[in-house]
C-alpha atoms as a PDB file:
ATOM      1  CA  UNK A   1      -4.076 -28.951  -7.043  1.00  0.00           C
ATOM      2  CA  UNK A   2      -4.257 -30.508  -4.083  1.00  0.00           C
ATOM      3  CA  UNK A   3      -5.097 -34.005  -2.910  1.00  0.00           C
ATOM      4  CA  UNK A   4      -8.160 -34.787  -2.780  1.00  0.00           C
ATOM      5  CA  UNK A   5      -7.567 -36.332   1.443  1.00  0.00           C
ATOM      6  CA  UNK A   6      -6.357 -31.598   2.026  1.00  0.00           C
ATOM      7  CA  UNK A   7      -9.016 -29.804   0.209  1.00  0.00           C
ATOM      8  CA  UNK A   8     -10.785 -29.448   2.963  1.00  0.00           C
ATOM      9  CA  UNK A   9      -8.943 -28.464   4.555  1.00  0.00           C
ATOM     10  CA  UNK A  10      -7.740 -26.393   1.958  1.00  0.00           C
ATOM     11  CA  UNK A  11     -11.136 -25.602   1.565  1.00  0.00           C
ATOM     12  CA  UNK A  12     -12.031 -24.307   4.762  1.00  0.00           C
ATOM     13  CA  UNK A  13      -9.142 -21.850   5.161  1.00  0.00           C
ATOM     14  CA  UNK A  14      -9.808 -20.165   1.776  1.00  0.00           C
ATOM     15  CA  UNK A  15     -13.815 -19.917   2.937  1.00  0.00           C
ATOM     16  CA  UNK A  16     -12.586 -18.071   5.954  1.00  0.00           C
ATOM     17  CA  UNK A  17     -10.404 -15.962   4.988  1.00  0.00           C
ATOM     18  CA  UNK A  18     -13.445 -15.105   2.072  1.00  0.00           C
ATOM     19  CA  UNK A  19     -15.946 -15.400   4.039  1.00  0.00           C
ATOM     20  CA  UNK A  20     -14.921 -14.784   7.443  1.00  0.00           C
ATOM     21  CA  UNK A  21     -14.938 -16.940  10.889  1.00  0.00           C
ATOM     22  CA  UNK A  22     -18.195 -15.472  11.955  1.00  0.00           C
ATOM     23  CA  UNK A  23     -19.586 -16.470   8.608  1.00  0.00           C
ATOM     24  CA  UNK A  24     -18.450 -20.169   8.222  1.00  0.00           C
ATOM     25  CA  UNK A  25     -18.958 -21.185  11.752  1.00  0.00           C
ATOM     26  CA  UNK A  26     -22.600 -20.408  11.842  1.00  0.00           C
ATOM     27  CA  UNK A  27     -22.649 -22.585   8.487  1.00  0.00           C
ATOM     28  CA  UNK A  28     -20.572 -25.498  10.353  1.00  0.00           C
ATOM     29  CA  UNK A  29     -22.828 -24.942  13.667  1.00  0.00           C
ATOM     30  CA  UNK A  30     -26.381 -24.917  11.516  1.00  0.00           C
ATOM     31  CA  UNK A  31     -24.910 -27.924   9.442  1.00  0.00           C
ATOM     32  CA  UNK A  32     -26.545 -31.195  10.023  1.00  0.00           C
ATOM     33  CA  UNK A  33     -26.414 -34.849   8.527  1.00  0.00           C
ATOM     34  CA  UNK A  34     -28.703 -33.973   5.419  1.00  0.00           C
ATOM     35  CA  UNK A  35     -26.919 -30.889   4.681  1.00  0.00           C
ATOM     36  CA  UNK A  36     -23.425 -32.432   5.581  1.00  0.00           C
ATOM     37  CA  UNK A  37     -22.455 -33.446   2.156  1.00  0.00           C
ATOM     38  CA  UNK A  38     -23.564 -30.643   0.406  1.00  0.00           C
ATOM     39  CA  UNK A  39     -21.886 -28.116   3.425  1.00  0.00           C
ATOM     40  CA  UNK A  40     -17.968 -30.740   2.635  1.00  0.00           C
ATOM     41  CA  UNK A  41     -19.184 -30.678  -0.924  1.00  0.00           C
ATOM     42  CA  UNK A  42     -18.906 -26.863  -1.442  1.00  0.00           C
ATOM     43  CA  UNK A  43     -15.451 -26.737   0.822  1.00  0.00           C
ATOM     44  CA  UNK A  44     -14.242 -29.004  -0.922  1.00  0.00           C
ATOM     45  CA  UNK A  45     -15.361 -28.205  -4.863  1.00  0.00           C
ATOM     46  CA  UNK A  46     -15.987 -24.771  -4.643  1.00  0.00           C
ATOM     47  CA  UNK A  47     -13.111 -23.682  -1.863  1.00  0.00           C
ATOM     48  CA  UNK A  48     -10.642 -26.165  -2.415  1.00  0.00           C
ATOM     49  CA  UNK A  49     -10.883 -26.780  -6.055  1.00  0.00           C
ATOM     50  CA  UNK A  50     -11.903 -23.850  -7.066  1.00  0.00           C
ATOM     51  CA  UNK A  51     -11.364 -20.368  -4.477  1.00  0.00           C
ATOM     52  CA  UNK A  52      -7.775 -22.129  -3.845  1.00  0.00           C
ATOM     53  CA  UNK A  53      -6.479 -22.129  -7.485  1.00  0.00           C
ATOM     54  CA  UNK A  54      -3.144 -20.073  -8.412  1.00  0.00           C
ATOM     55  CA  UNK A  55      -4.011 -17.968 -11.305  1.00  0.00           C
ATOM     56  CA  UNK A  56      -5.803 -15.836  -9.986  1.00  0.00           C
ATOM     57  CA  UNK A  57      -6.366 -13.372  -7.467  1.00  0.00           C
ATOM     58  CA  UNK A  58      -9.075 -13.502  -4.031  1.00  0.00           C
ATOM     59  CA  UNK A  59     -10.239  -9.958  -5.681  1.00  0.00           C
ATOM     60  CA  UNK A  60     -10.080 -10.716  -9.040  1.00  0.00           C
ATOM     61  CA  UNK A  61     -12.246 -14.588  -7.644  1.00  0.00           C
ATOM     62  CA  UNK A  62     -14.328 -12.104  -5.946  1.00  0.00           C
ATOM     63  CA  UNK A  63     -15.453 -10.187  -9.410  1.00  0.00           C
ATOM     64  CA  UNK A  64     -16.464 -13.408 -11.030  1.00  0.00           C
ATOM     65  CA  UNK A  65     -18.056 -14.394  -8.069  1.00  0.00           C
ATOM     66  CA  UNK A  66     -20.182 -11.358  -8.444  1.00  0.00           C
ATOM     67  CA  UNK A  67     -20.887 -10.452 -11.941  1.00  0.00           C
ATOM     68  CA  UNK A  68     -22.120 -14.084 -11.267  1.00  0.00           C
ATOM     69  CA  UNK A  69     -24.138 -14.847  -9.409  1.00  0.00           C
ATOM     70  CA  UNK A  70     -26.203 -11.302 -10.659  1.00  0.00           C
ATOM     71  CA  UNK A  71     -26.297 -12.104 -13.853  1.00  0.00           C
ATOM     72  CA  UNK A  72     -28.202 -15.383 -12.011  1.00  0.00           C
ATOM     73  CA  UNK A  73     -30.093 -13.571  -9.973  1.00  0.00           C
ATOM     74  CA  UNK A  74     -29.268 -15.980  -7.157  1.00  0.00           C
ATOM     75  CA  UNK A  75     -28.730 -12.045  -4.474  1.00  0.00           C
ATOM     76  CA  UNK A  76     -28.775 -14.060  -0.622  1.00  0.00           C
ATOM     77  CA  UNK A  77     -26.158 -14.751  -2.069  1.00  0.00           C
ATOM     78  CA  UNK A  78     -24.413 -11.954  -3.511  1.00  0.00           C
ATOM     79  CA  UNK A  79     -25.862 -10.265  -0.890  1.00  0.00           C
ATOM     80  CA  UNK A  80     -22.829 -12.882   0.588  1.00  0.00           C
ATOM     81  CA  UNK A  81     -20.421 -11.965  -1.406  1.00  0.00           C
ATOM     82  CA  UNK A  82     -20.419  -8.292  -1.472  1.00  0.00           C
ATOM     83  CA  UNK A  83     -19.945  -8.256   2.603  1.00  0.00           C
ATOM     84  CA  UNK A  84     -17.176 -10.301   1.309  1.00  0.00           C
ATOM     85  CA  UNK A  85     -15.256  -7.764  -0.405  1.00  0.00           C
ATOM     86  CA  UNK A  86     -14.485  -6.264   3.049  1.00  0.00           C
ATOM     87  CA  UNK A  87     -11.515  -9.698   3.050  1.00  0.00           C
ATOM     88  CA  UNK A  88     -11.106  -9.686  -0.813  1.00  0.00           C
ATOM     89  CA  UNK A  89      -9.933  -6.874  -1.882  1.00  0.00           C
ATOM     90  CA  UNK A  90     -12.109  -6.109  -4.481  1.00  0.00           C
ATOM     91  CA  UNK A  91     -13.650  -2.348  -3.478  1.00  0.00           C
ATOM     92  CA  UNK A  92     -17.023  -0.619  -4.638  1.00  0.00           C
ATOM     93  CA  UNK A  93     -15.376   0.972  -7.428  1.00  0.00           C
ATOM     94  CA  UNK A  94     -14.558  -3.014  -8.893  1.00  0.00           C
ATOM     95  CA  UNK A  95     -17.608  -3.885  -7.674  1.00  0.00           C
ATOM     96  CA  UNK A  96     -19.132  -0.853 -10.320  1.00  0.00           C
ATOM     97  CA  UNK A  97     -17.858  -2.144 -13.175  1.00  0.00           C
ATOM     98  CA  UNK A  98     -18.829  -6.152 -12.789  1.00  0.00           C
ATOM     99  CA  UNK A  99     -21.931  -4.860 -12.390  1.00  0.00           C
ATOM    100  CA  UNK A 100     -21.523  -2.263 -15.023  1.00  0.00           C
ATOM    101  CA  UNK A 101     -20.416  -5.632 -17.187  1.00  0.00           C
ATOM    102  CA  UNK A 102     -23.636  -7.503 -15.846  1.00  0.00           C
ATOM    103  CA  UNK A 103     -25.654  -4.595 -17.288  1.00  0.00           C
ATOM    104  CA  UNK A 104     -23.864  -5.159 -20.306  1.00  0.00           C
ATOM    105  CA  UNK A 105     -24.253  -8.902 -20.809  1.00  0.00           C
ATOM    106  CA  UNK A 106     -26.777 -10.718 -18.416  1.00  0.00           C
ATOM    107  CA  UNK A 107     -29.712  -7.893 -19.342  1.00  0.00           C
ATOM    108  CA  UNK A 108     -30.516  -4.015 -17.613  1.00  0.00           C
ATOM    109  CA  UNK A 109     -33.059  -5.556 -15.333  1.00  0.00           C
ATOM    110  CA  UNK A 110     -30.305  -8.379 -13.418  1.00  0.00           C
ATOM    111  CA  UNK A 111     -27.802  -4.834 -12.927  1.00  0.00           C
ATOM    112  CA  UNK A 112     -30.253  -2.951 -11.815  1.00  0.00           C
ATOM    113  CA  UNK A 113     -31.505  -5.177  -8.866  1.00  0.00           C
ATOM    114  CA  UNK A 114     -28.091  -6.001  -8.065  1.00  0.00           C
ATOM    115  CA  UNK A 115     -27.126  -2.122  -8.250  1.00  0.00           C
ATOM    116  CA  UNK A 116     -29.706  -2.091  -5.212  1.00  0.00           C
ATOM    117  CA  UNK A 117     -28.887  -5.087  -3.197  1.00  0.00           C
ATOM    118  CA  UNK A 118     -25.187  -3.935  -4.008  1.00  0.00           C
ATOM    119  CA  UNK A 119     -26.252  -0.465  -2.114  1.00  0.00           C
ATOM    120  CA  UNK A 120     -28.000  -2.084   0.343  1.00  0.00           C
ATOM    121  CA  UNK A 121     -24.889  -4.371   1.171  1.00  0.00           C
ATOM    122  CA  UNK A 122     -21.952  -1.475   0.940  1.00  0.00           C
ATOM    123  CA  UNK A 123     -24.402   1.471   1.882  1.00  0.00           C
ATOM    124  CA  UNK A 124     -25.991   4.543  -0.717  1.00  0.00           C
ATOM    125  CA  UNK A 125     -23.197   6.437  -2.018  1.00  0.00           C
ATOM    126  CA  UNK A 126     -20.167   3.632  -1.009  1.00  0.00           C
ATOM    127  CA  UNK A 127     -17.821   5.792  -3.496  1.00  0.00           C
ATOM    128  CA  UNK A 128     -18.499   8.906  -1.503  1.00  0.00           C
ATOM    129  CA  UNK A 129     -18.169   6.741   1.759  1.00  0.00           C
ATOM    130  CA  UNK A 130     -14.283   6.165  -0.091  1.00  0.00           C
ATOM    131  CA  UNK A 131     -13.513   9.489  -0.478  1.00  0.00           C
ATOM    132  CA  UNK A 132     -13.209  11.025   2.914  1.00  0.00           C
ATOM    133  CA  UNK A 133     -10.990  11.062   4.599  1.00  0.00           C
END
């Protein structure tokens, strides 16, 4: 595990790798004195401590995150992490499998909402788009 003094730098790099420079730059540009401690907390904690661990790939972490956010009904964060799959390697088929797990373990209404969000973010028929040459 990284030294606490390195977690912010490691977290920033991981956050950029997953969410993209444009997203991180927008978040940084909107940071105020009021939410700066929160931004540091998520950068160090979520991105520097958890997402940067070696035990799972970014694809695997992405699928877990998508399932958890869907199960909890955190729609805005879910959409953000669905968009991030272009950087994590999670495919529409991976997302479909994760959301089917949500249906079984967290309930059909949560999965139904998540599938709608995924279709909006990925397009109406993500698997059909994948199959085209």
